[in-house]
N, C-alpha and C. Protein backbone atom coordinates (compact mmCIF):
# COMPACT_ATOMS: atom_id res chain seq x y z
N MET A 1 -8.30 60.36 -37.10
CA MET A 1 -7.30 59.32 -36.83
C MET A 1 -7.89 58.23 -35.94
N PHE A 2 -7.44 57.03 -36.17
CA PHE A 2 -7.95 55.88 -35.43
C PHE A 2 -7.38 55.87 -34.01
N THR A 3 -8.27 55.90 -33.04
CA THR A 3 -7.94 55.69 -31.64
C THR A 3 -9.08 54.85 -31.06
N LEU A 4 -8.72 53.85 -30.29
CA LEU A 4 -9.73 52.98 -29.69
C LEU A 4 -9.39 52.78 -28.23
N LYS A 5 -10.24 53.30 -27.36
CA LYS A 5 -10.05 53.09 -25.93
C LYS A 5 -10.60 51.72 -25.59
N VAL A 6 -9.72 50.83 -25.17
CA VAL A 6 -10.11 49.46 -24.87
C VAL A 6 -10.74 49.38 -23.49
N ASP A 7 -10.06 49.96 -22.51
CA ASP A 7 -10.55 50.03 -21.13
C ASP A 7 -9.73 51.07 -20.39
N HIS A 8 -9.79 51.09 -19.07
CA HIS A 8 -9.10 52.13 -18.29
C HIS A 8 -7.58 52.00 -18.34
N GLU A 9 -7.04 50.87 -18.84
CA GLU A 9 -5.59 50.67 -18.91
C GLU A 9 -5.03 50.66 -20.32
N ILE A 10 -5.86 50.37 -21.30
CA ILE A 10 -5.37 50.11 -22.65
C ILE A 10 -6.04 51.02 -23.67
N GLU A 11 -5.19 51.54 -24.58
CA GLU A 11 -5.68 52.33 -25.70
C GLU A 11 -4.89 51.95 -26.95
N LEU A 12 -5.58 51.87 -28.07
CA LEU A 12 -4.94 51.64 -29.37
C LEU A 12 -4.93 52.96 -30.11
N HIS A 13 -3.80 53.30 -30.73
CA HIS A 13 -3.71 54.55 -31.49
C HIS A 13 -2.83 54.34 -32.71
N LEU A 14 -3.17 55.01 -33.80
CA LEU A 14 -2.35 54.92 -35.01
C LEU A 14 -0.93 55.35 -34.67
N LEU A 15 0.03 54.59 -35.14
CA LEU A 15 1.42 54.95 -34.92
C LEU A 15 1.78 56.15 -35.79
N GLN A 16 2.52 57.09 -35.19
CA GLN A 16 2.94 58.31 -35.86
C GLN A 16 4.48 58.39 -35.83
N ILE A 17 5.02 59.29 -36.63
CA ILE A 17 6.49 59.47 -36.68
C ILE A 17 7.06 59.69 -35.28
N GLN A 18 6.37 60.45 -34.45
CA GLN A 18 6.88 60.74 -33.10
C GLN A 18 6.96 59.49 -32.21
N ASP A 19 6.37 58.39 -32.65
CA ASP A 19 6.45 57.12 -31.92
C ASP A 19 7.69 56.31 -32.29
N SER A 20 8.46 56.76 -33.28
CA SER A 20 9.57 55.99 -33.83
C SER A 20 10.58 55.53 -32.78
N THR A 21 11.03 56.43 -31.94
CA THR A 21 12.05 56.08 -30.94
C THR A 21 11.50 55.09 -29.93
N GLU A 22 10.29 55.34 -29.46
CA GLU A 22 9.68 54.44 -28.48
C GLU A 22 9.41 53.06 -29.09
N LEU A 23 8.95 53.04 -30.34
CA LEU A 23 8.68 51.78 -31.03
C LEU A 23 9.98 51.00 -31.23
N PHE A 24 11.02 51.69 -31.67
CA PHE A 24 12.30 51.01 -31.85
C PHE A 24 12.82 50.48 -30.52
N GLY A 25 12.67 51.25 -29.46
CA GLY A 25 13.09 50.81 -28.12
C GLY A 25 12.37 49.54 -27.69
N LEU A 26 11.09 49.46 -27.98
CA LEU A 26 10.32 48.26 -27.65
C LEU A 26 10.88 47.05 -28.40
N VAL A 27 11.14 47.21 -29.69
CA VAL A 27 11.70 46.12 -30.49
C VAL A 27 13.11 45.78 -30.00
N GLN A 28 13.91 46.79 -29.74
CA GLN A 28 15.29 46.56 -29.29
C GLN A 28 15.35 45.78 -27.97
N ARG A 29 14.52 46.17 -27.01
CA ARG A 29 14.50 45.48 -25.71
C ARG A 29 14.00 44.04 -25.83
N ASN A 30 13.21 43.78 -26.85
CA ASN A 30 12.55 42.48 -27.00
C ASN A 30 13.03 41.71 -28.22
N ARG A 31 14.19 42.08 -28.71
CA ARG A 31 14.69 41.52 -29.96
C ARG A 31 14.70 39.99 -29.97
N SER A 32 15.28 39.36 -28.98
CA SER A 32 15.35 37.88 -28.99
C SER A 32 13.97 37.27 -28.78
N HIS A 33 13.14 37.92 -28.00
CA HIS A 33 11.78 37.45 -27.75
C HIS A 33 10.95 37.50 -29.05
N LEU A 34 10.98 38.63 -29.75
CA LEU A 34 10.18 38.82 -30.96
C LEU A 34 10.73 38.03 -32.14
N ARG A 35 12.04 37.89 -32.18
CA ARG A 35 12.71 37.23 -33.30
C ARG A 35 12.26 35.78 -33.48
N GLN A 36 11.83 35.15 -32.41
CA GLN A 36 11.38 33.75 -32.50
C GLN A 36 10.25 33.57 -33.50
N TRP A 37 9.42 34.62 -33.70
CA TRP A 37 8.21 34.47 -34.50
C TRP A 37 8.01 35.53 -35.57
N LEU A 38 8.81 36.59 -35.55
CA LEU A 38 8.61 37.67 -36.52
C LEU A 38 9.84 37.81 -37.43
N PRO A 39 9.65 37.66 -38.73
CA PRO A 39 10.79 37.62 -39.64
C PRO A 39 11.47 38.96 -39.93
N TRP A 40 10.92 40.06 -39.50
CA TRP A 40 11.46 41.37 -39.83
C TRP A 40 12.35 41.97 -38.74
N VAL A 41 12.42 41.34 -37.58
CA VAL A 41 13.09 41.95 -36.41
C VAL A 41 14.55 42.29 -36.68
N ASP A 42 15.30 41.39 -37.28
CA ASP A 42 16.72 41.65 -37.53
C ASP A 42 16.96 42.82 -38.46
N SER A 43 16.00 43.12 -39.32
CA SER A 43 16.18 44.21 -40.28
C SER A 43 15.97 45.59 -39.64
N MET A 44 15.42 45.64 -38.44
CA MET A 44 15.19 46.92 -37.76
C MET A 44 16.42 47.27 -36.91
N VAL A 45 17.24 48.20 -37.40
CA VAL A 45 18.49 48.53 -36.72
C VAL A 45 18.57 49.98 -36.26
N SER A 46 17.55 50.79 -36.58
CA SER A 46 17.56 52.20 -36.20
C SER A 46 16.13 52.73 -36.10
N PRO A 47 15.90 53.65 -35.17
CA PRO A 47 14.56 54.26 -35.10
C PRO A 47 14.23 55.06 -36.36
N LEU A 48 15.24 55.50 -37.08
CA LEU A 48 15.00 56.27 -38.30
C LEU A 48 14.32 55.43 -39.39
N GLN A 49 14.45 54.12 -39.34
CA GLN A 49 13.77 53.27 -40.31
C GLN A 49 12.26 53.44 -40.23
N TYR A 50 11.77 53.72 -39.04
CA TYR A 50 10.33 53.92 -38.89
C TYR A 50 9.86 55.21 -39.55
N HIS A 51 10.79 56.13 -39.84
CA HIS A 51 10.42 57.37 -40.53
C HIS A 51 10.00 57.08 -41.97
N THR A 52 10.39 55.95 -42.51
CA THR A 52 9.96 55.52 -43.84
C THR A 52 8.73 54.62 -43.73
N ILE A 53 8.74 53.74 -42.74
CA ILE A 53 7.67 52.73 -42.61
C ILE A 53 6.36 53.35 -42.12
N ILE A 54 6.42 54.20 -41.11
CA ILE A 54 5.20 54.77 -40.53
C ILE A 54 4.38 55.55 -41.56
N PRO A 55 5.00 56.39 -42.40
CA PRO A 55 4.18 57.05 -43.43
C PRO A 55 3.47 56.06 -44.37
N GLU A 56 4.10 54.92 -44.65
CA GLU A 56 3.45 53.89 -45.45
C GLU A 56 2.24 53.31 -44.71
N TRP A 57 2.40 53.10 -43.40
CA TRP A 57 1.28 52.62 -42.59
C TRP A 57 0.14 53.63 -42.56
N LEU A 58 0.48 54.93 -42.45
CA LEU A 58 -0.54 55.98 -42.42
C LEU A 58 -1.25 56.08 -43.78
N LYS A 59 -0.50 55.85 -44.84
CA LYS A 59 -1.09 55.83 -46.18
C LYS A 59 -2.05 54.65 -46.31
N GLN A 60 -1.67 53.52 -45.75
CA GLN A 60 -2.53 52.34 -45.75
C GLN A 60 -3.85 52.67 -45.06
N TYR A 61 -3.77 53.34 -43.91
CA TYR A 61 -4.97 53.74 -43.17
C TYR A 61 -5.81 54.73 -44.00
N ALA A 62 -5.15 55.72 -44.59
CA ALA A 62 -5.86 56.73 -45.39
C ALA A 62 -6.56 56.10 -46.59
N ASN A 63 -5.97 55.02 -47.12
CA ASN A 63 -6.57 54.30 -48.25
C ASN A 63 -7.63 53.29 -47.80
N ASN A 64 -7.93 53.28 -46.50
CA ASN A 64 -8.95 52.40 -45.95
C ASN A 64 -8.62 50.93 -46.21
N ASN A 65 -7.32 50.62 -46.03
CA ASN A 65 -6.84 49.28 -46.34
C ASN A 65 -6.04 48.67 -45.19
N GLY A 66 -6.43 48.98 -43.95
CA GLY A 66 -5.74 48.44 -42.79
C GLY A 66 -5.01 49.52 -42.02
N PHE A 67 -4.29 49.11 -40.99
CA PHE A 67 -3.55 50.07 -40.16
C PHE A 67 -2.60 49.33 -39.22
N HIS A 68 -1.72 50.10 -38.62
CA HIS A 68 -0.83 49.62 -37.55
C HIS A 68 -1.03 50.56 -36.37
N ALA A 69 -1.44 50.00 -35.24
CA ALA A 69 -1.73 50.81 -34.06
C ALA A 69 -0.82 50.39 -32.91
N GLY A 70 -0.37 51.39 -32.17
CA GLY A 70 0.36 51.10 -30.95
C GLY A 70 -0.62 50.69 -29.87
N ILE A 71 -0.20 49.77 -29.03
CA ILE A 71 -0.99 49.37 -27.87
C ILE A 71 -0.36 50.05 -26.66
N ARG A 72 -1.09 50.99 -26.09
CA ARG A 72 -0.59 51.67 -24.89
C ARG A 72 -1.23 51.02 -23.67
N PHE A 73 -0.37 50.61 -22.74
CA PHE A 73 -0.82 50.02 -21.49
C PHE A 73 -0.31 50.91 -20.36
N ARG A 74 -1.25 51.51 -19.65
CA ARG A 74 -0.91 52.45 -18.58
C ARG A 74 0.05 53.53 -19.10
N GLY A 75 -0.20 53.97 -20.33
CA GLY A 75 0.57 55.05 -20.94
C GLY A 75 1.84 54.65 -21.66
N LYS A 76 2.27 53.40 -21.51
CA LYS A 76 3.51 52.95 -22.15
C LYS A 76 3.20 52.13 -23.39
N LEU A 77 4.05 52.27 -24.41
CA LEU A 77 3.89 51.47 -25.61
C LEU A 77 4.26 50.03 -25.28
N ALA A 78 3.27 49.13 -25.34
CA ALA A 78 3.46 47.73 -24.95
C ALA A 78 3.58 46.81 -26.15
N GLY A 79 3.03 47.23 -27.29
CA GLY A 79 3.05 46.38 -28.47
C GLY A 79 2.38 47.05 -29.64
N VAL A 80 2.12 46.26 -30.67
CA VAL A 80 1.49 46.75 -31.89
C VAL A 80 0.42 45.76 -32.31
N ILE A 81 -0.66 46.30 -32.84
CA ILE A 81 -1.74 45.48 -33.40
C ILE A 81 -2.18 46.15 -34.69
N GLY A 82 -2.57 45.35 -35.65
CA GLY A 82 -3.01 45.97 -36.89
C GLY A 82 -3.71 45.02 -37.81
N LEU A 83 -4.22 45.60 -38.88
CA LEU A 83 -4.87 44.85 -39.95
C LEU A 83 -3.91 44.85 -41.12
N HIS A 84 -3.54 43.68 -41.60
CA HIS A 84 -2.59 43.60 -42.70
C HIS A 84 -3.16 44.21 -43.98
N PHE A 85 -4.45 44.10 -44.17
CA PHE A 85 -5.17 44.63 -45.33
C PHE A 85 -6.65 44.47 -45.01
N ILE A 86 -7.50 45.08 -45.81
CA ILE A 86 -8.94 44.83 -45.72
C ILE A 86 -9.43 44.46 -47.11
N ASP A 87 -10.01 43.31 -47.23
CA ASP A 87 -10.64 42.86 -48.48
C ASP A 87 -12.10 43.28 -48.38
N TRP A 88 -12.41 44.44 -48.95
CA TRP A 88 -13.76 45.00 -48.82
C TRP A 88 -14.79 44.21 -49.62
N TYR A 89 -14.39 43.63 -50.72
CA TYR A 89 -15.34 42.86 -51.52
C TYR A 89 -15.87 41.66 -50.72
N ASN A 90 -14.95 40.97 -50.06
CA ASN A 90 -15.33 39.80 -49.27
C ASN A 90 -15.54 40.12 -47.79
N LYS A 91 -15.38 41.40 -47.43
CA LYS A 91 -15.61 41.88 -46.06
C LYS A 91 -14.80 41.08 -45.04
N GLN A 92 -13.48 41.02 -45.28
CA GLN A 92 -12.62 40.26 -44.36
C GLN A 92 -11.27 40.93 -44.20
N THR A 93 -10.59 40.56 -43.12
CA THR A 93 -9.26 41.09 -42.83
C THR A 93 -8.49 40.07 -41.99
N THR A 94 -7.22 40.37 -41.81
CA THR A 94 -6.34 39.56 -40.98
C THR A 94 -5.71 40.46 -39.93
N ILE A 95 -5.76 40.04 -38.67
CA ILE A 95 -5.15 40.78 -37.57
C ILE A 95 -3.75 40.22 -37.29
N GLY A 96 -2.80 41.12 -37.10
CA GLY A 96 -1.47 40.74 -36.65
C GLY A 96 -1.15 41.51 -35.38
N TYR A 97 -0.28 40.96 -34.54
CA TYR A 97 0.04 41.64 -33.29
C TYR A 97 1.35 41.12 -32.70
N TYR A 98 1.93 41.95 -31.84
CA TYR A 98 3.04 41.51 -30.99
C TYR A 98 3.08 42.36 -29.74
N LEU A 99 3.67 41.80 -28.71
CA LEU A 99 3.71 42.43 -27.39
C LEU A 99 5.09 42.26 -26.80
N GLY A 100 5.58 43.31 -26.13
CA GLY A 100 6.84 43.20 -25.43
C GLY A 100 6.74 42.21 -24.28
N LYS A 101 7.80 41.46 -24.04
CA LYS A 101 7.79 40.42 -23.02
C LYS A 101 7.42 40.96 -21.64
N GLU A 102 7.88 42.17 -21.34
CA GLU A 102 7.60 42.74 -20.02
C GLU A 102 6.13 43.07 -19.80
N PHE A 103 5.33 43.00 -20.86
CA PHE A 103 3.90 43.29 -20.76
C PHE A 103 3.03 42.05 -20.81
N GLU A 104 3.64 40.89 -20.89
CA GLU A 104 2.87 39.64 -20.91
C GLU A 104 2.28 39.37 -19.53
N GLY A 105 1.17 38.66 -19.51
CA GLY A 105 0.56 38.25 -18.25
C GLY A 105 -0.47 39.21 -17.69
N TYR A 106 -0.77 40.29 -18.42
CA TYR A 106 -1.78 41.26 -17.97
C TYR A 106 -3.08 41.16 -18.77
N GLY A 107 -3.14 40.24 -19.72
CA GLY A 107 -4.33 40.13 -20.56
C GLY A 107 -4.45 41.24 -21.57
N ILE A 108 -3.36 41.93 -21.84
CA ILE A 108 -3.39 43.10 -22.73
C ILE A 108 -3.84 42.72 -24.14
N MET A 109 -3.20 41.70 -24.71
CA MET A 109 -3.50 41.37 -26.09
C MET A 109 -4.90 40.79 -26.25
N THR A 110 -5.33 40.01 -25.31
CA THR A 110 -6.70 39.47 -25.38
C THR A 110 -7.71 40.62 -25.37
N ARG A 111 -7.52 41.57 -24.48
CA ARG A 111 -8.43 42.72 -24.40
C ARG A 111 -8.36 43.57 -25.66
N ALA A 112 -7.15 43.77 -26.20
CA ALA A 112 -6.99 44.59 -27.41
C ALA A 112 -7.65 43.93 -28.61
N VAL A 113 -7.43 42.63 -28.79
CA VAL A 113 -8.04 41.92 -29.92
C VAL A 113 -9.56 41.90 -29.76
N LYS A 114 -10.05 41.68 -28.57
CA LYS A 114 -11.50 41.66 -28.34
C LYS A 114 -12.13 43.00 -28.71
N ALA A 115 -11.52 44.09 -28.29
CA ALA A 115 -12.04 45.43 -28.63
C ALA A 115 -11.96 45.68 -30.13
N LEU A 116 -10.87 45.25 -30.75
CA LEU A 116 -10.72 45.42 -32.19
C LEU A 116 -11.77 44.61 -32.94
N LEU A 117 -12.04 43.39 -32.49
CA LEU A 117 -13.08 42.58 -33.12
C LEU A 117 -14.44 43.27 -33.05
N HIS A 118 -14.75 43.81 -31.90
CA HIS A 118 -16.01 44.53 -31.75
C HIS A 118 -16.09 45.68 -32.77
N TYR A 119 -15.00 46.42 -32.89
CA TYR A 119 -14.94 47.53 -33.85
C TYR A 119 -15.11 47.02 -35.29
N LEU A 120 -14.41 45.97 -35.63
CA LEU A 120 -14.44 45.45 -37.00
C LEU A 120 -15.82 44.92 -37.39
N PHE A 121 -16.48 44.25 -36.45
CA PHE A 121 -17.79 43.68 -36.76
C PHE A 121 -18.94 44.67 -36.61
N SER A 122 -18.87 45.57 -35.64
CA SER A 122 -20.01 46.44 -35.40
C SER A 122 -19.88 47.84 -36.01
N HIS A 123 -18.67 48.24 -36.44
CA HIS A 123 -18.50 49.56 -37.06
C HIS A 123 -18.09 49.47 -38.53
N LEU A 124 -17.22 48.52 -38.85
CA LEU A 124 -16.81 48.35 -40.25
C LEU A 124 -17.67 47.31 -40.97
N TYR A 125 -18.46 46.57 -40.21
CA TYR A 125 -19.38 45.56 -40.75
C TYR A 125 -18.67 44.50 -41.59
N LEU A 126 -17.48 44.10 -41.11
CA LEU A 126 -16.79 43.00 -41.78
C LEU A 126 -17.49 41.69 -41.43
N ASN A 127 -17.27 40.68 -42.26
CA ASN A 127 -17.88 39.38 -42.04
C ASN A 127 -16.92 38.36 -41.44
N ARG A 128 -15.63 38.52 -41.72
CA ARG A 128 -14.66 37.51 -41.31
C ARG A 128 -13.35 38.16 -40.89
N VAL A 129 -12.79 37.65 -39.80
CA VAL A 129 -11.48 38.10 -39.32
C VAL A 129 -10.63 36.86 -39.10
N GLU A 130 -9.41 36.94 -39.56
CA GLU A 130 -8.48 35.82 -39.47
C GLU A 130 -7.26 36.22 -38.65
N ILE A 131 -6.71 35.27 -37.92
CA ILE A 131 -5.43 35.43 -37.22
C ILE A 131 -4.58 34.23 -37.61
N ARG A 132 -3.36 34.51 -38.04
CA ARG A 132 -2.40 33.45 -38.35
C ARG A 132 -1.23 33.57 -37.40
N CYS A 133 -0.80 32.45 -36.87
CA CYS A 133 0.36 32.47 -35.98
C CYS A 133 1.09 31.14 -36.06
N GLY A 134 2.35 31.17 -35.66
CA GLY A 134 3.15 29.95 -35.69
C GLY A 134 2.47 28.84 -34.91
N VAL A 135 2.48 27.64 -35.47
CA VAL A 135 1.84 26.49 -34.83
C VAL A 135 2.37 26.29 -33.41
N PHE A 136 3.65 26.55 -33.20
CA PHE A 136 4.24 26.34 -31.87
C PHE A 136 4.35 27.63 -31.05
N ASN A 137 3.77 28.72 -31.54
CA ASN A 137 3.75 29.97 -30.79
C ASN A 137 2.52 29.95 -29.87
N HIS A 138 2.66 29.25 -28.77
CA HIS A 138 1.53 29.00 -27.88
C HIS A 138 0.94 30.27 -27.28
N LYS A 139 1.76 31.27 -26.98
CA LYS A 139 1.22 32.51 -26.41
C LYS A 139 0.38 33.26 -27.43
N SER A 140 0.83 33.28 -28.67
CA SER A 140 0.07 33.96 -29.71
C SER A 140 -1.21 33.19 -30.03
N ARG A 141 -1.12 31.89 -30.09
CA ARG A 141 -2.29 31.04 -30.37
C ARG A 141 -3.35 31.16 -29.27
N ALA A 142 -2.91 31.42 -28.05
CA ALA A 142 -3.85 31.50 -26.92
C ALA A 142 -4.88 32.62 -27.12
N ILE A 143 -4.51 33.66 -27.85
CA ILE A 143 -5.44 34.80 -28.03
C ILE A 143 -6.67 34.35 -28.82
N PRO A 144 -6.52 33.87 -30.06
CA PRO A 144 -7.74 33.44 -30.78
C PRO A 144 -8.45 32.27 -30.10
N GLU A 145 -7.69 31.39 -29.48
CA GLU A 145 -8.33 30.26 -28.79
C GLU A 145 -9.19 30.77 -27.63
N ARG A 146 -8.68 31.71 -26.87
CA ARG A 146 -9.41 32.27 -25.72
C ARG A 146 -10.66 33.02 -26.17
N LEU A 147 -10.58 33.66 -27.34
CA LEU A 147 -11.70 34.46 -27.83
C LEU A 147 -12.70 33.66 -28.66
N GLY A 148 -12.48 32.36 -28.80
CA GLY A 148 -13.45 31.51 -29.47
C GLY A 148 -13.32 31.41 -30.98
N PHE A 149 -12.17 31.79 -31.52
CA PHE A 149 -11.94 31.60 -32.94
C PHE A 149 -11.94 30.10 -33.25
N VAL A 150 -12.20 29.77 -34.49
CA VAL A 150 -12.17 28.38 -34.95
C VAL A 150 -10.81 28.14 -35.62
N LEU A 151 -10.14 27.07 -35.22
CA LEU A 151 -8.91 26.68 -35.90
C LEU A 151 -9.34 26.06 -37.22
N GLU A 152 -9.01 26.74 -38.32
CA GLU A 152 -9.48 26.32 -39.63
C GLU A 152 -8.48 25.45 -40.38
N GLY A 153 -7.25 25.44 -39.91
CA GLY A 153 -6.26 24.62 -40.59
C GLY A 153 -4.85 25.09 -40.33
N VAL A 154 -3.93 24.45 -41.01
CA VAL A 154 -2.51 24.76 -40.89
C VAL A 154 -1.95 24.97 -42.29
N ILE A 155 -1.22 26.06 -42.47
CA ILE A 155 -0.52 26.30 -43.73
C ILE A 155 0.91 25.78 -43.52
N ARG A 156 1.21 24.67 -44.19
CA ARG A 156 2.53 24.08 -44.04
C ARG A 156 3.58 24.99 -44.67
N ASP A 157 4.69 25.19 -43.95
CA ASP A 157 5.77 26.07 -44.42
C ASP A 157 5.21 27.43 -44.85
N GLY A 158 4.30 27.96 -44.07
CA GLY A 158 3.60 29.19 -44.42
C GLY A 158 4.39 30.46 -44.31
N GLU A 159 5.53 30.42 -43.62
CA GLU A 159 6.32 31.63 -43.45
C GLU A 159 7.79 31.26 -43.30
N PHE A 160 8.64 32.07 -43.94
CA PHE A 160 10.08 31.88 -43.81
C PHE A 160 10.57 32.73 -42.65
N LEU A 161 11.24 32.10 -41.72
CA LEU A 161 11.70 32.77 -40.50
C LEU A 161 13.22 32.65 -40.41
N TYR A 162 13.92 33.62 -41.03
CA TYR A 162 15.38 33.73 -41.01
C TYR A 162 16.10 32.61 -41.75
N ASP A 163 16.03 31.38 -41.25
CA ASP A 163 16.79 30.30 -41.88
C ASP A 163 15.96 29.03 -42.06
N HIS A 164 14.65 29.15 -41.84
CA HIS A 164 13.79 27.97 -41.98
C HIS A 164 12.34 28.41 -42.19
N PHE A 165 11.57 27.49 -42.74
CA PHE A 165 10.13 27.70 -42.85
C PHE A 165 9.46 27.16 -41.59
N HIS A 166 8.33 27.73 -41.25
CA HIS A 166 7.53 27.16 -40.16
C HIS A 166 6.06 27.19 -40.55
N ASP A 167 5.30 26.31 -39.91
CA ASP A 167 3.88 26.18 -40.20
C ASP A 167 3.08 27.25 -39.48
N LEU A 168 1.99 27.70 -40.10
CA LEU A 168 1.11 28.70 -39.52
C LEU A 168 -0.27 28.10 -39.24
N ALA A 169 -0.75 28.30 -38.03
CA ALA A 169 -2.13 27.94 -37.68
C ALA A 169 -3.03 29.08 -38.14
N VAL A 170 -4.14 28.75 -38.76
CA VAL A 170 -5.09 29.75 -39.26
C VAL A 170 -6.36 29.66 -38.43
N PHE A 171 -6.69 30.78 -37.77
CA PHE A 171 -7.90 30.87 -36.95
C PHE A 171 -8.86 31.86 -37.60
N GLY A 172 -10.15 31.56 -37.58
CA GLY A 172 -11.14 32.46 -38.16
C GLY A 172 -12.29 32.74 -37.22
N MET A 173 -12.81 33.95 -37.34
CA MET A 173 -13.99 34.37 -36.59
C MET A 173 -14.94 35.02 -37.59
N LEU A 174 -16.21 34.61 -37.55
CA LEU A 174 -17.23 35.20 -38.41
C LEU A 174 -18.09 36.17 -37.60
N ALA A 175 -18.65 37.16 -38.29
CA ALA A 175 -19.48 38.16 -37.60
C ALA A 175 -20.62 37.50 -36.84
N ARG A 176 -21.30 36.53 -37.44
CA ARG A 176 -22.44 35.89 -36.76
C ARG A 176 -21.98 35.09 -35.54
N GLN A 177 -20.81 34.51 -35.63
CA GLN A 177 -20.24 33.77 -34.50
C GLN A 177 -19.91 34.75 -33.36
N TRP A 178 -19.32 35.90 -33.72
CA TRP A 178 -18.98 36.91 -32.72
C TRP A 178 -20.25 37.48 -32.07
N ALA A 179 -21.26 37.74 -32.89
CA ALA A 179 -22.52 38.28 -32.37
C ALA A 179 -23.14 37.33 -31.35
N ASP A 180 -23.07 36.03 -31.64
CA ASP A 180 -23.59 35.04 -30.70
C ASP A 180 -22.79 35.03 -29.39
N LYS A 181 -21.48 35.25 -29.52
CA LYS A 181 -20.63 35.23 -28.33
C LYS A 181 -20.87 36.42 -27.42
N VAL A 182 -21.02 37.60 -28.03
CA VAL A 182 -21.12 38.81 -27.24
C VAL A 182 -22.51 39.43 -27.24
N LYS A 183 -23.44 38.77 -27.90
CA LYS A 183 -24.83 39.24 -27.97
C LYS A 183 -24.93 40.66 -28.52
N LEU A 184 -24.28 40.85 -29.68
CA LEU A 184 -24.37 42.16 -30.34
C LEU A 184 -25.76 42.29 -30.94
N PRO A 185 -26.28 43.53 -31.03
CA PRO A 185 -27.60 43.72 -31.64
C PRO A 185 -27.56 43.43 -33.14
């Protein structure tokens, strides 16, 4: 099973059925915060829904086609990070993430994405990683900007969010660019 120790405070782990109540609690406490940028929040009304979704996520991992991992900060579930899919032919993937409002300001997501990038480039040998986020979602955009991703463009009306479309900023990182940044062998 996928587990990635980021540092002494943060660990990423595959979400399991036993995480359902805690995961739903995180979404429930942060409903208005997450709803601004995530189109699925309103559809999550019970922890039992995760009993259907989590096995699909585990199947995705077993099929070597991405994953959804909980972000534990000092032992508490702070958010989720994952790969939407892996395009093995082109050696690329897209990272998605969210964090509970009460966990903002600790550098959690920057550290989690940085560790995940290291894993993707040095263990899975991917060539390209993409992050897409709302053009006006400044906190989400700060992650790829801070880590040196290149803003490659904007997808106009790239996502439907409840009652309107919004534009998505597309950020990309290449393996050679990452190697130069962190001096990987």
